[in-house]
Amino acid sequence: MYKARYYKVDGKKGKARALPDVLFDGVVNEGVMHQAVKAYLANQRQGTAAAKTRSEVSGGNSKPWRQKGTGRARQGSTRAVQWEGGGRAFPPIPHSWRQQIPRKVKALARRSALNDRAENDRVVLVDMPALEKPRTRELTGFLGAMEMAGKVLLLTDGKNENLYLSARNLPHVTVRPFGHESVYDVLWAHTIVIERSAVEKLGEAAADDAAKAPPEAKAASTTKAAGKTKAAGKTKAASKTKAAGKAKAAGKTKAAGEDEAAGKDEAEEPAEGTESEEDGDA
């Protein structure tokens, strides 16, 4: 379980708080994050770049000079691509650059980005100051009291218009409602500042979902876990039985080899006695 630094409304540091496991589960998938950032940047493109080909520009209906006899290169139109004022070869054509990624992949990329920041101690929980009206000076003072350096991403509990307007003219500060931040926003920022109430609501929602789970789902998960334990036990017993069988087979082979060697020794002894008797008769 990850823990995050905690700051109060006045900017003073408090006791570190635990982050909910439902979001900060320790999974960091760099490939999925790369895919999400590529799709985000591609979706920012308007795709309106365009230029005209030689068939779309005006003019150039007649041949500039005759085919032969002038000493110059033959030309058929003054709107060819090599002429000034002519068309363009392989021009950009307006089209959509939009990319879509699956919902679960997008959620995995967001969790991975947040886990990466939490793993490097870049996630901070705070009690946001209540701004009666947009005041950039108060926001910069609050961030300065916490000694936030570099780019900062503020994630609020719901929409906070005054905080958004206060940070709008700060180039190193971005404000988003918690849950609406993109993977690019998280990776862009050096520090992620999350409002404490938003994280607490997330943990409470996860606990409520676990409590409201139907008994069939709980029984299925228990049965699945028991099945895994039983399968592991069977595998372990099978490996033990296999090892015992191998040891027993090895013992039998060794005993058979010893019996065979003893039989050979017994067969060789009478032969030596017979030779000695023959020598005596001679």
Foldseek 3Di string as FASTA:
>chain_A
DFWAWEAEAQLHTDDIDDFDCVQQVLDADPVLLVVQVVQVVLQVDQQPFWFFAQVPFDAFPAFPDDCDDPPDHGGGGCQHCVHVSHGHPPIRDRDGSHDDDDPVSQSSSQSNLVNVCRVVNQEYEYAHDDDPAADLVSVVVSCVSNPDDFAEEEAEQPDDVSPQVSCVPPPRYHYDHPPPDGSCNSVRGNHYYYYPVNSVVVNVVVVVVVVPDDVVVVVVVVVVVVVVVVVVVVVVVVVVVVVVVVVVVVVVVVVVVVVVVVVVVVVVVVVVVVVVVVVVVD
